[in-house]
Amino acid sequence: MEQDAARTRLDEERSRLGGIRDGFVADGLTSESEDESLGELSSQHQADIGTETFNRERDLSILERVQAELADVEHALQRLDDGTYGTCEACGTVIDDSRLEALPAARFCLEDQATAEREVRLPGGNP
């Protein structure tokens, strides 16, 4: 993938993800603890509190994923700057353009990505 096109796509993704993150922050998701958030509901029914807790945990999970994706985008931008973008971090081969077009922040070739995902899923990380 051409470096300028990659930078443009990564910058757009950074802006998109930053907007999502900022929306959660503006809603106060990270500024108050769960106890403070649920304290206002103490006079409500337990089912309402359960729903609020579920929604908060879901939103925190989404926020965590967005922050991880932002970190991946920042890492890819750094790799563009240092000339290693488009090279698999595990084996050093060139990552296919089609993969980079689909996932501009890709760090690994398809084979090494599949290996990494298998290791995460298996107990003890053994294939």
N, C-alpha and C. Protein backbone atom coordinates (compact mmCIF):
# COMPACT_ATOMS: atom_id res chain seq x y z
N MET A 1 0.85 -1.18 0.00
CA MET A 1 0.00 0.00 0.00
C MET A 1 0.89 1.24 0.00
N GLU A 2 0.52 2.21 -0.79
CA GLU A 2 1.28 3.45 -0.87
C GLU A 2 1.30 4.13 0.50
N GLN A 3 2.46 4.68 0.87
CA GLN A 3 2.64 5.29 2.19
C GLN A 3 1.67 6.44 2.46
N ASP A 4 1.47 7.32 1.47
CA ASP A 4 0.55 8.45 1.66
C ASP A 4 -0.89 7.98 1.87
N ALA A 5 -1.29 6.97 1.10
CA ALA A 5 -2.64 6.42 1.25
C ALA A 5 -2.80 5.76 2.62
N ALA A 6 -1.77 5.05 3.04
CA ALA A 6 -1.82 4.41 4.35
C ALA A 6 -1.93 5.46 5.46
N ARG A 7 -1.14 6.50 5.37
CA ARG A 7 -1.19 7.56 6.38
C ARG A 7 -2.58 8.21 6.43
N THR A 8 -3.14 8.47 5.26
CA THR A 8 -4.47 9.08 5.20
C THR A 8 -5.51 8.18 5.86
N ARG A 9 -5.48 6.89 5.53
CA ARG A 9 -6.45 5.95 6.13
C ARG A 9 -6.24 5.83 7.63
N LEU A 10 -5.00 5.78 8.07
CA LEU A 10 -4.72 5.68 9.50
C LEU A 10 -5.13 6.95 10.24
N ASP A 11 -4.89 8.12 9.64
CA ASP A 11 -5.32 9.37 10.25
C ASP A 11 -6.85 9.43 10.37
N GLU A 12 -7.54 8.98 9.32
CA GLU A 12 -9.01 8.95 9.36
C GLU A 12 -9.50 8.00 10.46
N GLU A 13 -8.86 6.85 10.58
CA GLU A 13 -9.25 5.88 11.61
C GLU A 13 -8.97 6.43 13.00
N ARG A 14 -7.85 7.12 13.16
CA ARG A 14 -7.53 7.74 14.44
C ARG A 14 -8.59 8.77 14.82
N SER A 15 -9.02 9.56 13.87
CA SER A 15 -10.06 10.56 14.13
C SER A 15 -11.39 9.90 14.49
N ARG A 16 -11.75 8.86 13.75
CA ARG A 16 -13.01 8.14 14.02
C ARG A 16 -13.01 7.53 15.42
N LEU A 17 -11.94 6.81 15.72
CA LEU A 17 -11.85 6.16 17.03
C LEU A 17 -11.74 7.19 18.16
N GLY A 18 -11.03 8.27 17.92
CA GLY A 18 -10.93 9.34 18.91
C GLY A 18 -12.29 9.94 19.21
N GLY A 19 -13.11 10.09 18.19
CA GLY A 19 -14.46 10.61 18.38
C GLY A 19 -15.32 9.68 19.23
N ILE A 20 -15.19 8.39 19.00
CA ILE A 20 -15.93 7.41 19.81
C ILE A 20 -15.46 7.49 21.26
N ARG A 21 -14.14 7.48 21.44
CA ARG A 21 -13.59 7.58 22.80
C ARG A 21 -14.05 8.85 23.49
N ASP A 22 -13.97 9.96 22.79
CA ASP A 22 -14.36 11.24 23.37
C ASP A 22 -15.84 11.26 23.75
N GLY A 23 -16.67 10.57 22.97
CA GLY A 23 -18.09 10.47 23.31
C GLY A 23 -18.31 9.76 24.62
N PHE A 24 -17.57 8.69 24.84
CA PHE A 24 -17.68 7.97 26.12
C PHE A 24 -17.19 8.83 27.27
N VAL A 25 -16.10 9.53 27.05
CA VAL A 25 -15.55 10.39 28.09
C VAL A 25 -16.53 11.54 28.40
N ALA A 26 -17.12 12.12 27.35
CA ALA A 26 -18.08 13.21 27.54
C ALA A 26 -19.31 12.73 28.33
N ASP A 27 -19.65 11.47 28.16
CA ASP A 27 -20.77 10.90 28.90
C ASP A 27 -20.39 10.56 30.34
N GLY A 28 -19.13 10.81 30.70
CA GLY A 28 -18.69 10.59 32.07
C GLY A 28 -18.34 9.15 32.39
N LEU A 29 -18.14 8.35 31.38
CA LEU A 29 -17.88 6.93 31.63
C LEU A 29 -16.63 6.71 32.46
N THR A 30 -15.59 7.48 32.23
CA THR A 30 -14.35 7.24 32.96
C THR A 30 -14.16 8.18 34.13
N SER A 31 -15.04 9.18 34.27
CA SER A 31 -14.80 10.18 35.31
C SER A 31 -15.42 9.85 36.65
N GLU A 32 -16.29 8.86 36.69
CA GLU A 32 -16.87 8.50 37.98
C GLU A 32 -16.80 7.00 38.18
N SER A 33 -16.71 6.61 39.41
CA SER A 33 -16.62 5.19 39.71
C SER A 33 -18.00 4.55 39.54
N GLU A 34 -18.02 3.23 39.52
CA GLU A 34 -19.29 2.51 39.41
C GLU A 34 -20.18 2.82 40.59
N ASP A 35 -19.61 2.91 41.79
CA ASP A 35 -20.40 3.21 42.98
C ASP A 35 -21.07 4.58 42.86
N GLU A 36 -20.32 5.58 42.37
CA GLU A 36 -20.88 6.91 42.19
C GLU A 36 -21.98 6.90 41.14
N SER A 37 -21.74 6.17 40.06
CA SER A 37 -22.71 6.09 38.98
C SER A 37 -23.99 5.42 39.45
N LEU A 38 -23.86 4.36 40.20
CA LEU A 38 -25.03 3.60 40.64
C LEU A 38 -25.66 4.19 41.90
N GLY A 39 -24.95 5.07 42.59
CA GLY A 39 -25.48 5.69 43.80
C GLY A 39 -26.78 6.43 43.54
N GLU A 40 -26.89 7.04 42.38
CA GLU A 40 -28.10 7.76 42.02
C GLU A 40 -29.28 6.82 41.85
N LEU A 41 -29.04 5.55 41.61
CA LEU A 41 -30.10 4.58 41.35
C LEU A 41 -30.52 3.82 42.61
N SER A 42 -29.95 4.15 43.76
CA SER A 42 -30.16 3.35 44.95
C SER A 42 -31.63 3.23 45.34
N SER A 43 -32.46 4.19 44.97
CA SER A 43 -33.87 4.11 45.30
C SER A 43 -34.66 3.35 44.23
N GLN A 44 -34.00 2.91 43.19
CA GLN A 44 -34.69 2.21 42.11
C GLN A 44 -34.68 0.70 42.34
N HIS A 45 -35.45 0.04 41.54
CA HIS A 45 -35.58 -1.41 41.61
C HIS A 45 -34.26 -2.10 41.27
N GLN A 46 -34.03 -3.25 41.88
CA GLN A 46 -32.77 -3.97 41.64
C GLN A 46 -32.56 -4.31 40.17
N ALA A 47 -33.64 -4.59 39.45
CA ALA A 47 -33.51 -4.92 38.03
C ALA A 47 -32.98 -3.71 37.25
N ASP A 48 -33.42 -2.51 37.64
CA ASP A 48 -32.92 -1.30 36.99
C ASP A 48 -31.43 -1.11 37.27
N ILE A 49 -31.04 -1.40 38.48
CA ILE A 49 -29.62 -1.29 38.85
C ILE A 49 -28.81 -2.32 38.06
N GLY A 50 -29.38 -3.52 37.94
CA GLY A 50 -28.70 -4.57 37.16
C GLY A 50 -28.53 -4.16 35.70
N THR A 51 -29.56 -3.55 35.13
CA THR A 51 -29.49 -3.09 33.75
C THR A 51 -28.44 -2.00 33.60
N GLU A 52 -28.42 -1.07 34.56
CA GLU A 52 -27.45 0.02 34.51
C GLU A 52 -26.02 -0.53 34.64
N THR A 53 -25.84 -1.50 35.52
CA THR A 53 -24.52 -2.12 35.69
C THR A 53 -24.09 -2.82 34.40
N PHE A 54 -25.01 -3.56 33.80
CA PHE A 54 -24.71 -4.24 32.54
C PHE A 54 -24.30 -3.24 31.46
N ASN A 55 -25.09 -2.16 31.33
CA ASN A 55 -24.80 -1.15 30.31
C ASN A 55 -23.45 -0.49 30.54
N ARG A 56 -23.13 -0.22 31.80
CA ARG A 56 -21.84 0.40 32.12
C ARG A 56 -20.68 -0.55 31.77
N GLU A 57 -20.82 -1.81 32.13
CA GLU A 57 -19.77 -2.79 31.82
C GLU A 57 -19.61 -2.95 30.32
N ARG A 58 -20.72 -2.95 29.58
CA ARG A 58 -20.65 -3.05 28.12
C ARG A 58 -19.91 -1.84 27.55
N ASP A 59 -20.28 -0.65 28.02
CA ASP A 59 -19.64 0.57 27.52
C ASP A 59 -18.15 0.60 27.87
N LEU A 60 -17.80 0.15 29.06
CA LEU A 60 -16.38 0.09 29.44
C LEU A 60 -15.62 -0.88 28.54
N SER A 61 -16.26 -1.98 28.19
CA SER A 61 -15.63 -2.96 27.30
C SER A 61 -15.41 -2.37 25.91
N ILE A 62 -16.41 -1.65 25.42
CA ILE A 62 -16.28 -1.01 24.11
C ILE A 62 -15.17 0.04 24.16
N LEU A 63 -15.16 0.84 25.22
CA LEU A 63 -14.13 1.87 25.37
C LEU A 63 -12.74 1.25 25.41
N GLU A 64 -12.59 0.14 26.11
CA GLU A 64 -11.29 -0.54 26.18
C GLU A 64 -10.86 -1.00 24.80
N ARG A 65 -11.79 -1.53 24.02
CA ARG A 65 -11.46 -2.00 22.66
C ARG A 65 -11.07 -0.83 21.76
N VAL A 66 -11.82 0.28 21.88
CA VAL A 66 -11.51 1.47 21.09
C VAL A 66 -10.11 1.98 21.42
N GLN A 67 -9.78 2.00 22.71
CA GLN A 67 -8.45 2.47 23.11
C GLN A 67 -7.35 1.54 22.58
N ALA A 68 -7.62 0.24 22.56
CA ALA A 68 -6.65 -0.71 22.02
C ALA A 68 -6.47 -0.49 20.51
N GLU A 69 -7.57 -0.24 19.80
CA GLU A 69 -7.48 0.01 18.37
C GLU A 69 -6.74 1.33 18.10
N LEU A 70 -6.98 2.33 18.94
CA LEU A 70 -6.25 3.59 18.80
C LEU A 70 -4.75 3.36 18.98
N ALA A 71 -4.38 2.55 19.94
CA ALA A 71 -2.97 2.24 20.17
C ALA A 71 -2.38 1.54 18.94
N ASP A 72 -3.15 0.64 18.32
CA ASP A 72 -2.68 -0.04 17.11
C ASP A 72 -2.46 0.95 15.97
N VAL A 73 -3.39 1.90 15.83
CA VAL A 73 -3.26 2.92 14.78
C VAL A 73 -2.03 3.79 15.04
N GLU A 74 -1.84 4.21 16.28
CA GLU A 74 -0.66 5.02 16.63
C GLU A 74 0.63 4.24 16.34
N HIS A 75 0.61 2.96 16.66
CA HIS A 75 1.79 2.11 16.40
C HIS A 75 2.05 2.03 14.89
N ALA A 76 0.99 1.89 14.10
CA ALA A 76 1.15 1.83 12.64
C ALA A 76 1.69 3.15 12.10
N LEU A 77 1.22 4.26 12.63
CA LEU A 77 1.74 5.56 12.20
C LEU A 77 3.22 5.70 12.55
N GLN A 78 3.60 5.20 13.71
CA GLN A 78 5.02 5.24 14.09
C GLN A 78 5.85 4.38 13.14
N ARG A 79 5.29 3.22 12.76
CA ARG A 79 6.00 2.35 11.82
C ARG A 79 6.14 3.01 10.45
N LEU A 80 5.13 3.81 10.06
CA LEU A 80 5.26 4.58 8.81
C LEU A 80 6.43 5.54 8.92
N ASP A 81 6.52 6.21 10.06
CA ASP A 81 7.60 7.19 10.26
C ASP A 81 8.98 6.54 10.27
N ASP A 82 9.08 5.33 10.83
CA ASP A 82 10.41 4.72 10.92
C ASP A 82 10.71 3.76 9.76
N GLY A 83 9.79 3.67 8.79
CA GLY A 83 10.05 2.89 7.59
C GLY A 83 9.79 1.40 7.70
N THR A 84 9.11 0.95 8.75
CA THR A 84 8.84 -0.48 8.90
C THR A 84 7.39 -0.85 8.62
N TYR A 85 6.58 0.13 8.22
CA TYR A 85 5.16 -0.14 7.93
C TYR A 85 5.05 -1.12 6.77
N GLY A 86 4.11 -2.06 6.90
CA GLY A 86 3.89 -3.02 5.83
C GLY A 86 4.76 -4.25 5.91
N THR A 87 5.56 -4.34 6.97
CA THR A 87 6.43 -5.50 7.19
C THR A 87 5.93 -6.25 8.42
N CYS A 88 5.78 -7.55 8.32
CA CYS A 88 5.31 -8.37 9.44
C CYS A 88 6.29 -8.25 10.61
N GLU A 89 5.77 -7.96 11.78
CA GLU A 89 6.62 -7.81 12.96
C GLU A 89 7.16 -9.14 13.47
N ALA A 90 6.56 -10.25 13.03
CA ALA A 90 7.02 -11.56 13.49
C ALA A 90 8.08 -12.17 12.57
N CYS A 91 7.80 -12.16 11.27
CA CYS A 91 8.71 -12.86 10.35
C CYS A 91 9.47 -11.93 9.40
N GLY A 92 9.07 -10.66 9.33
CA GLY A 92 9.78 -9.71 8.49
C GLY A 92 9.38 -9.69 7.03
N THR A 93 8.41 -10.52 6.64
CA THR A 93 7.96 -10.50 5.25
C THR A 93 7.03 -9.31 5.01
N VAL A 94 6.86 -8.98 3.74
CA VAL A 94 5.97 -7.89 3.37
C VAL A 94 4.52 -8.35 3.53
N ILE A 95 3.71 -7.52 4.18
CA ILE A 95 2.29 -7.80 4.36
C ILE A 95 1.58 -7.45 3.05
N ASP A 96 0.71 -8.34 2.59
CA ASP A 96 -0.01 -8.12 1.33
C ASP A 96 -0.78 -6.80 1.36
N ASP A 97 -0.79 -6.12 0.22
CA ASP A 97 -1.54 -4.86 0.11
C ASP A 97 -3.02 -5.05 0.42
N SER A 98 -3.58 -6.17 0.00
CA SER A 98 -5.01 -6.40 0.26
C SER A 98 -5.29 -6.45 1.76
N ARG A 99 -4.37 -7.01 2.53
CA ARG A 99 -4.54 -7.06 3.99
C ARG A 99 -4.42 -5.65 4.57
N LEU A 100 -3.45 -4.88 4.11
CA LEU A 100 -3.27 -3.52 4.61
C LEU A 100 -4.43 -2.61 4.22
N GLU A 101 -5.02 -2.85 3.06
CA GLU A 101 -6.19 -2.07 2.66
C GLU A 101 -7.38 -2.40 3.55
N ALA A 102 -7.53 -3.67 3.91
CA ALA A 102 -8.63 -4.08 4.78
C ALA A 102 -8.39 -3.69 6.23
N LEU A 103 -7.14 -3.75 6.65
CA LEU A 103 -6.78 -3.47 8.04
C LEU A 103 -5.46 -2.68 8.05
N PRO A 104 -5.55 -1.35 7.86
CA PRO A 104 -4.34 -0.55 7.71
C PRO A 104 -3.37 -0.63 8.89
N ALA A 105 -3.85 -0.98 10.08
CA ALA A 105 -2.97 -1.05 11.25
C ALA A 105 -2.43 -2.46 11.46
N ALA A 106 -2.55 -3.34 10.46
CA ALA A 106 -2.08 -4.72 10.59
C ALA A 106 -0.60 -4.76 10.94
N ARG A 107 -0.26 -5.59 11.92
CA ARG A 107 1.13 -5.73 12.36
C ARG A 107 1.76 -7.02 11.83
N PHE A 108 0.92 -7.98 11.46
CA PHE A 108 1.41 -9.30 11.08
C PHE A 108 0.84 -9.73 9.74
N CYS A 109 1.58 -10.60 9.04
CA CYS A 109 1.04 -11.23 7.84
C CYS A 109 -0.08 -12.18 8.29
N LEU A 110 -0.86 -12.67 7.34
CA LEU A 110 -1.98 -13.54 7.70
C LEU A 110 -1.55 -14.78 8.48
N GLU A 111 -0.47 -15.39 8.06
CA GLU A 111 0.00 -16.62 8.72
C GLU A 111 0.38 -16.35 10.18
N ASP A 112 1.13 -15.30 10.42
CA ASP A 112 1.55 -15.00 11.79
C ASP A 112 0.38 -14.48 12.63
N GLN A 113 -0.58 -13.79 12.01
CA GLN A 113 -1.77 -13.36 12.74
C GLN A 113 -2.57 -14.57 13.20
N ALA A 114 -2.73 -15.56 12.32
CA ALA A 114 -3.46 -16.78 12.68
C ALA A 114 -2.74 -17.52 13.80
N THR A 115 -1.43 -17.57 13.75
CA THR A 115 -0.65 -18.22 14.82
C THR A 115 -0.84 -17.49 16.14
N ALA A 116 -0.78 -16.17 16.12
CA ALA A 116 -0.96 -15.38 17.34
C ALA A 116 -2.35 -15.58 17.93
N GLU A 117 -3.37 -15.64 17.09
CA GLU A 117 -4.73 -15.84 17.58
C GLU A 117 -4.91 -17.23 18.16
N ARG A 118 -4.30 -18.25 17.55
CA ARG A 118 -4.38 -19.60 18.10
C ARG A 118 -3.73 -19.66 19.48
N GLU A 119 -2.59 -19.01 19.63
CA GLU A 119 -1.87 -19.02 20.90
C GLU A 119 -2.67 -18.34 22.01
N VAL A 120 -3.40 -17.30 21.66
CA VAL A 120 -4.21 -16.59 22.66
C VAL A 120 -5.37 -17.47 23.11
N ARG A 121 -5.96 -18.21 22.18
CA ARG A 121 -7.14 -19.03 22.51
C ARG A 121 -6.81 -20.28 23.30
N LEU A 122 -5.63 -20.82 23.12
CA LEU A 122 -5.30 -22.09 23.76
C LEU A 122 -4.72 -21.86 25.17
N PRO A 123 -5.15 -22.70 26.13
CA PRO A 123 -4.58 -22.58 27.49
C PRO A 123 -3.07 -22.78 27.46
N GLY A 124 -2.35 -21.90 28.13
CA GLY A 124 -0.91 -22.02 28.17
C GLY A 124 -0.22 -21.51 26.92
N GLY A 125 -1.01 -21.13 25.89
CA GLY A 125 -0.44 -20.59 24.67
C GLY A 125 0.22 -21.62 23.78
N ASN A 126 0.00 -22.91 24.00
CA ASN A 126 0.62 -23.95 23.17
C ASN A 126 -0.30 -24.32 22.02
N PRO A 127 0.21 -24.42 20.81
CA PRO A 127 -0.63 -24.80 19.65
C PRO A 127 -1.08 -26.24 19.70
